[in-house]
């Protein structure tokens, strides 16, 4: 079966391509290389022994999207990652985010609704919950008005899919990720942030390697055990495997609703200082960091209740925080060597 993976050379996309190919799927990748590199293909081939089809294409160009779907009429499913994802940048340049994250989603769904049936997996985010009142967060927690345009694009994206699924033959699963970290254990693919990393773990590994002078910890006065923010850090390979299982659920027509939603996390919250300690443990290095004022828009804590994904999908995160940090450090050393 042929599966389209948009943004398939990105961090989560590339790991998902590996898991799909390992399960015997034929994969077509669309990526415009705005936040990724064609070099990632080599890593995918080294791990799987197979070269996925790759089309460099900008999904903001409606004609290109139509041309792609006219050429690949035999797609059995689509996993849609392609999106801009930096919260700070979205505040500074909201229109870029609405065009890139919403416009492209609309163009893909317009092509899928022409098919007699279509299966669609959407890369969503726990940002849709905002600062949830109760921990751990279940899928029934209220979706809140997001504090950033990025978060809003995920919320609007989910609403568009719900509306379109009601009116068409599209079946969809919305996967709400918590905080993906780590890299493939082979260290052939991993997170490749362009410029200054927006996420905690690449900043930690770059600081550990000496590329950054020190890590800034934004606030130590939160109402948490050590005063730093708490998040649910999930190994990217565990996350990738969940996409394959969700896709198989749609292909095997096991879904009980037109649109299903699942949280993907470990179910455990870790503070920023705990993540730093984990890095120090697996690397044997002392990490230089300083406490700075809180960052606007940061919530206090977010970690998942994963019962629904565990019980219905039969999926569970396998890797510990230390294992994820170790793989991230191995990848950092590989790309700097």
Protein backbone atom coordinates (compact mmCIF):
# COMPACT_ATOMS: atom_id res chain seq x y z
CA UNK A 1 0.00 0.00 0.00
CA UNK A 2 1.25 3.47 -0.89
CA UNK A 3 1.21 6.09 1.86
CA UNK A 4 1.88 9.82 1.49
CA UNK A 5 3.89 11.41 4.30
CA UNK A 6 3.94 15.21 4.08
CA UNK A 7 6.91 16.79 5.84
CA UNK A 8 8.47 13.34 5.68
CA UNK A 9 12.05 14.58 5.93
CA UNK A 10 11.37 16.44 9.18
CA UNK A 11 12.03 15.17 12.71
CA UNK A 12 8.88 13.13 13.39
CA UNK A 13 8.13 12.57 9.69
CA UNK A 14 11.45 10.84 8.94
CA UNK A 15 11.12 8.49 11.92
CA UNK A 16 7.57 7.64 10.81
CA UNK A 17 8.77 6.91 7.25
CA UNK A 18 11.27 4.42 8.74
CA UNK A 19 8.54 2.65 10.75
CA UNK A 20 6.18 2.56 7.73
CA UNK A 21 8.87 1.05 5.50
CA UNK A 22 9.75 -1.47 8.20
CA UNK A 23 6.08 -2.53 8.14
CA UNK A 24 6.17 -3.03 4.36
CA UNK A 25 4.40 0.14 3.21
CA UNK A 26 5.50 1.99 0.08
CA UNK A 27 6.12 5.60 1.09
CA UNK A 28 5.96 8.83 -0.89
CA UNK A 29 7.38 11.89 0.83
CA UNK A 30 6.43 15.49 0.10
CA UNK A 31 8.72 18.10 1.64
CA UNK A 32 9.67 21.63 0.61
CA UNK A 33 12.97 21.39 2.57
CA UNK A 34 12.25 24.69 4.37
CA UNK A 35 13.09 23.08 7.71
CA UNK A 36 14.74 19.82 6.66
CA UNK A 37 17.39 18.38 4.36
CA UNK A 38 17.47 15.92 1.49
CA UNK A 39 20.41 14.29 3.33
CA UNK A 40 17.80 12.69 5.63
CA UNK A 41 16.95 10.28 2.78
CA UNK A 42 20.37 8.66 3.19
CA UNK A 43 19.68 7.93 6.84
CA UNK A 44 16.28 6.41 6.00
CA UNK A 45 17.87 4.15 3.37
CA UNK A 46 20.70 3.10 5.73
CA UNK A 47 18.16 2.03 8.38
CA UNK A 48 15.52 0.39 6.16
CA UNK A 49 17.43 -0.62 3.03
CA UNK A 50 14.72 1.11 0.97
CA UNK A 51 14.55 4.48 -0.77
CA UNK A 52 11.16 6.17 -0.40
CA UNK A 53 9.82 8.19 -3.32
CA UNK A 54 10.52 11.87 -2.73
CA UNK A 55 8.91 14.90 -4.32
CA UNK A 56 10.18 18.37 -3.45
CA UNK A 57 6.96 20.29 -3.46
CA UNK A 58 5.47 23.29 -1.68
CA UNK A 59 1.99 22.40 -0.45
CA UNK A 60 1.06 26.11 -0.49
CA UNK A 61 0.93 25.83 -4.29
CA UNK A 62 -2.53 24.46 -5.01
CA UNK A 63 -1.69 23.47 -8.61
CA UNK A 64 1.30 21.42 -7.43
CA UNK A 65 -0.89 19.63 -4.88
CA UNK A 66 -3.49 18.81 -7.55
CA UNK A 67 -0.76 17.63 -9.93
CA UNK A 68 0.70 15.35 -7.24
CA UNK A 69 -2.64 13.69 -6.44
CA UNK A 70 -3.45 13.27 -10.15
CA UNK A 71 -0.13 11.45 -10.54
CA UNK A 72 -0.44 9.28 -7.40
CA UNK A 73 -4.02 8.07 -7.66
CA UNK A 74 -3.28 4.88 -5.70
CA UNK A 75 -2.62 6.42 -2.27
CA UNK A 76 -4.11 4.30 0.53
CA UNK A 77 -3.56 6.93 3.21
CA UNK A 78 -2.00 10.27 4.11
CA UNK A 79 -0.03 11.18 7.23
CA UNK A 80 0.15 14.97 7.39
CA UNK A 81 3.10 16.46 9.28
CA UNK A 82 4.05 19.40 7.04
CA UNK A 83 3.59 22.55 9.14
CA UNK A 84 5.53 25.37 10.73
CA UNK A 85 5.89 24.76 14.46
CA UNK A 86 7.81 27.49 16.31
CA UNK A 87 5.53 29.17 18.84
CA UNK A 88 7.59 32.39 19.04
CA UNK A 89 7.84 32.76 15.27
CA UNK A 90 4.07 32.26 14.95
CA UNK A 91 3.48 35.23 17.26
CA UNK A 92 5.79 37.39 15.13
CA UNK A 93 4.51 36.15 11.76
CA UNK A 94 0.96 34.80 12.17
CA UNK A 95 0.01 34.94 8.48
CA UNK A 96 2.89 32.65 7.53
CA UNK A 97 1.50 30.10 10.02
CA UNK A 98 -2.10 30.40 8.83
CA UNK A 99 -1.04 30.02 5.20
CA UNK A 100 1.38 27.15 5.82
CA UNK A 101 -0.61 25.20 8.41
CA UNK A 102 -4.21 25.85 7.36
CA UNK A 103 -4.03 26.55 3.61
CA UNK A 104 -2.01 23.40 2.92
CA UNK A 105 -4.37 21.25 5.00
CA UNK A 106 -7.35 22.55 2.98
CA UNK A 107 -5.63 21.78 -0.35
CA UNK A 108 -4.87 18.19 0.70
CA UNK A 109 -8.39 17.57 2.01
CA UNK A 110 -9.85 18.99 -1.24
CA UNK A 111 -7.96 16.30 -3.15
CA UNK A 112 -8.90 13.54 -0.70
CA UNK A 113 -12.60 14.34 -0.82
CA UNK A 114 -12.57 13.48 -4.54
CA UNK A 115 -11.76 9.87 -3.64
CA UNK A 116 -14.43 7.25 -2.88
CA UNK A 117 -12.73 6.84 0.50
CA UNK A 118 -9.65 8.31 2.16
CA UNK A 119 -7.66 7.76 5.35
CA UNK A 120 -6.02 10.74 7.00
CA UNK A 121 -3.73 10.99 10.04
CA UNK A 122 -3.27 14.50 11.40
CA UNK A 123 -0.26 15.64 13.37
CA UNK A 124 -1.85 17.66 16.18
CA UNK A 125 -0.56 18.83 19.54
CA UNK A 126 -1.30 18.99 23.25
CA UNK A 127 -1.16 22.79 22.84
CA UNK A 128 -4.90 22.57 22.06
CA UNK A 129 -5.50 21.91 25.78
CA UNK A 130 -3.72 25.09 26.94
CA UNK A 131 -3.14 24.96 30.70
CA UNK A 132 -5.49 22.11 31.49
CA UNK A 133 -7.21 22.27 34.87
CA UNK A 134 -6.53 18.61 35.67
CA UNK A 135 -3.48 16.36 35.29
CA UNK A 136 -2.95 13.99 33.60
CA UNK A 137 -4.77 15.35 30.53
CA UNK A 138 -7.40 13.10 28.92
CA UNK A 139 -8.83 13.49 25.41
CA UNK A 140 -12.02 14.79 27.05
CA UNK A 141 -10.24 17.81 28.54
CA UNK A 142 -11.71 21.01 27.10
CA UNK A 143 -9.91 22.46 24.09
CA UNK A 144 -8.97 26.01 25.10
CA UNK A 145 -8.38 29.18 23.15
CA UNK A 146 -4.67 28.84 22.26
CA UNK A 147 -2.16 31.47 23.34
CA UNK A 148 -0.21 31.40 20.06
CA UNK A 149 -1.10 31.41 16.36
CA UNK A 150 0.76 28.06 16.09
CA UNK A 151 -1.53 26.49 18.70
CA UNK A 152 -4.53 28.07 17.00
CA UNK A 153 -3.60 26.45 13.66
CA UNK A 154 -3.72 23.02 15.36
CA UNK A 155 -7.11 23.77 16.93
CA UNK A 156 -8.54 25.14 13.65
CA UNK A 157 -6.98 22.22 11.74
CA UNK A 158 -8.79 19.73 13.97
CA UNK A 159 -12.09 21.61 13.50
CA UNK A 160 -11.68 21.63 9.70
CA UNK A 161 -11.06 17.86 9.66
CA UNK A 162 -14.13 17.25 11.87
CA UNK A 163 -16.33 19.31 9.53
CA UNK A 164 -14.94 17.75 6.34
CA UNK A 165 -15.20 14.17 7.64
CA UNK A 166 -18.92 14.68 8.40
CA UNK A 167 -19.58 15.71 4.80
CA UNK A 168 -17.23 13.35 2.90
CA UNK A 169 -15.78 9.83 2.75
CA UNK A 170 -12.66 10.89 4.68
CA UNK A 171 -11.88 9.00 7.89
CA UNK A 172 -9.34 10.62 10.17
CA UNK A 173 -7.36 10.19 13.37
CA UNK A 174 -6.07 13.24 15.22
CA UNK A 175 -2.89 12.50 17.18
CA UNK A 176 -2.18 15.02 19.92
CA UNK A 177 1.53 14.81 20.75
CA UNK A 178 3.12 15.89 23.95
CA UNK A 179 6.91 16.57 23.70
CA UNK A 180 8.80 14.41 21.17
CA UNK A 181 12.53 14.02 21.85
CA UNK A 182 15.43 11.70 21.06
CA UNK A 183 16.50 10.13 17.79
CA UNK A 184 16.63 6.77 16.05
CA UNK A 185 18.89 4.38 18.03
CA UNK A 186 21.08 3.98 14.91
CA UNK A 187 21.83 7.75 15.06
CA UNK A 188 21.20 7.82 11.29
CA UNK A 189 18.30 10.28 11.64
CA UNK A 190 17.34 12.72 14.38
CA UNK A 191 16.28 16.28 15.15
CA UNK A 192 17.98 18.88 12.93
CA UNK A 193 16.94 22.32 14.16
CA UNK A 194 17.91 25.16 11.84
CA UNK A 195 19.46 28.08 13.76
CA UNK A 196 18.89 28.41 17.50
CA UNK A 197 16.81 25.44 18.73
CA UNK A 198 13.28 26.26 19.88
CA UNK A 199 12.99 23.02 21.88
CA UNK A 200 14.64 22.10 25.16
CA UNK A 201 16.47 18.88 24.29
CA UNK A 202 18.41 20.06 21.18
CA UNK A 203 19.43 23.13 23.18
CA UNK A 204 20.67 20.85 25.97
CA UNK A 205 22.65 18.59 23.61
CA UNK A 206 24.13 21.57 21.74
CA UNK A 207 25.16 23.11 25.06
CA UNK A 208 26.60 19.78 26.18
CA UNK A 209 28.64 19.66 22.98
CA UNK A 210 29.89 23.22 23.50
CA UNK A 211 27.99 24.91 20.65
CA UNK A 212 26.02 27.00 23.16
CA UNK A 213 27.54 28.68 26.18
CA UNK A 214 24.77 27.76 28.59
CA UNK A 215 21.15 26.73 28.74
CA UNK A 216 18.54 29.25 29.88
CA UNK A 217 15.93 27.75 32.22
CA UNK A 218 12.85 29.96 31.98
CA UNK A 219 11.64 30.36 35.54
CA UNK A 220 12.11 28.37 38.75
CA UNK A 221 9.11 29.80 40.59
CA UNK A 222 6.33 27.67 39.08
CA UNK A 223 4.08 25.74 41.50
CA UNK A 224 5.90 22.44 40.79
CA UNK A 225 8.17 20.34 43.06
CA UNK A 226 11.39 22.02 41.83
CA UNK A 227 9.86 25.25 40.48
CA UNK A 228 10.48 24.48 36.77
CA UNK A 229 7.89 23.62 34.11
CA UNK A 230 6.75 20.03 33.69
CA UNK A 231 6.21 18.33 30.33
CA UNK A 232 5.64 14.82 28.99
CA UNK A 233 8.72 13.86 26.94
CA UNK A 234 8.10 10.99 24.52
CA UNK A 235 10.75 9.19 22.46
CA UNK A 236 10.26 10.01 18.78
CA UNK A 237 10.45 6.32 17.76
CA UNK A 238 7.56 5.48 20.12
CA UNK A 239 5.65 8.38 18.59
CA UNK A 240 6.41 7.22 15.02
CA UNK A 241 5.16 3.70 15.80
CA UNK A 242 1.86 5.14 17.02
CA UNK A 243 1.29 6.69 13.58
CA UNK A 244 1.67 3.32 11.87
CA UNK A 245 -0.76 1.70 14.32
CA UNK A 246 -3.29 4.54 13.86
CA UNK A 247 -3.01 4.25 10.07
CA UNK A 248 -3.53 0.47 10.20
CA UNK A 249 -6.63 1.07 12.33
CA UNK A 250 -8.14 3.18 9.52
CA UNK A 251 -6.98 0.83 6.73
CA UNK A 252 -8.53 -2.14 8.56
CA UNK A 253 -11.72 -0.12 9.18
CA UNK A 254 -11.45 -0.62 12.94
CA UNK A 255 -12.29 3.02 13.73
CA UNK A 256 -15.61 3.47 15.54
CA UNK A 257 -16.05 7.14 14.56
CA UNK A 258 -15.30 9.16 11.44
CA UNK A 259 -12.75 11.18 13.44
CA UNK A 260 -10.96 9.72 16.45
CA UNK A 261 -8.57 11.54 18.78
CA UNK A 262 -5.67 10.12 20.78
CA UNK A 263 -3.11 11.62 23.15
CA UNK A 264 0.44 10.42 22.55
CA UNK A 265 2.75 10.74 25.54
CA UNK A 266 4.33 8.63 28.25
CA UNK A 267 1.87 9.53 30.99
CA UNK A 268 4.72 10.89 33.12
CA UNK A 269 5.66 14.51 33.62
CA UNK A 270 9.33 15.56 33.91
CA UNK A 271 10.55 18.99 34.98
CA UNK A 272 13.19 20.97 33.10
CA UNK A 273 15.71 20.28 35.88
CA UNK A 274 14.92 16.54 35.72
CA UNK A 275 15.62 16.57 31.97
CA UNK A 276 18.94 18.34 32.63
CA UNK A 277 19.84 15.73 35.29
CA UNK A 278 18.95 12.93 32.88
CA UNK A 279 21.28 14.42 30.25
CA UNK A 280 24.09 14.74 32.82
CA UNK A 281 23.59 11.11 33.81
CA UNK A 282 23.71 9.64 30.28
CA UNK A 283 26.48 11.93 28.99
CA UNK A 284 28.67 12.11 32.08
CA UNK A 285 28.88 15.89 31.50
CA UNK A 286 27.94 18.76 33.77
CA UNK A 287 25.55 21.07 31.92
CA UNK A 288 26.01 24.83 32.38
CA UNK A 289 22.65 26.53 32.87
CA UNK A 290 21.19 29.64 34.43
CA UNK A 291 17.74 30.51 35.70
CA UNK A 292 16.18 33.41 33.79
CA UNK A 293 12.70 35.01 34.03
CA UNK A 294 9.68 33.07 32.85
CA UNK A 295 8.95 33.00 29.13
CA UNK A 296 5.63 34.42 28.01
CA UNK A 297 3.12 31.77 26.98
CA UNK A 298 4.70 28.88 28.90
CA UNK A 299 2.20 26.80 30.84
CA UNK A 300 3.08 25.27 34.22
CA UNK A 301 2.59 21.61 33.44
CA UNK A 302 1.23 19.25 30.80
CA UNK A 303 1.38 15.48 30.76
CA UNK A 304 -0.87 12.93 29.12
CA UNK A 305 -3.34 10.40 30.30
CA UNK A 306 -2.53 7.70 27.72
CA UNK A 307 -5.21 5.15 28.68
CA UNK A 308 -7.18 5.64 25.45
CA UNK A 309 -4.17 5.05 23.16
CA UNK A 310 -2.99 2.16 25.36
CA UNK A 311 -6.36 0.40 25.39
CA UNK A 312 -7.88 1.21 21.98
CA UNK A 313 -4.79 1.44 19.76
CA UNK A 314 -2.88 -1.14 21.78
CA UNK A 315 0.08 1.25 21.77
CA UNK A 316 2.27 2.26 24.68
CA UNK A 317 5.44 4.34 24.90
CA UNK A 318 8.36 1.99 25.62
CA UNK A 319 11.40 4.22 26.14
CA UNK A 320 12.40 6.00 29.34
CA UNK A 321 13.53 9.62 29.59
CA UNK A 322 17.14 8.44 30.03
CA UNK A 323 16.94 6.27 26.88
CA UNK A 324 15.50 9.17 24.87
CA UNK A 325 18.18 11.56 26.17
CA UNK A 326 20.91 9.04 25.43
CA UNK A 327 19.74 8.69 21.82
CA UNK A 328 19.56 12.50 21.46
CA UNK A 329 23.14 12.82 22.75
CA UNK A 330 24.37 10.04 20.45
CA UNK A 331 22.80 11.86 17.48
CA UNK A 332 24.31 15.24 18.51
CA UNK A 333 27.78 13.67 18.68
CA UNK A 334 27.30 11.96 15.29
CA UNK A 335 26.30 15.12 13.42
CA UNK A 336 29.13 17.13 14.97
CA UNK A 337 31.85 14.55 14.32
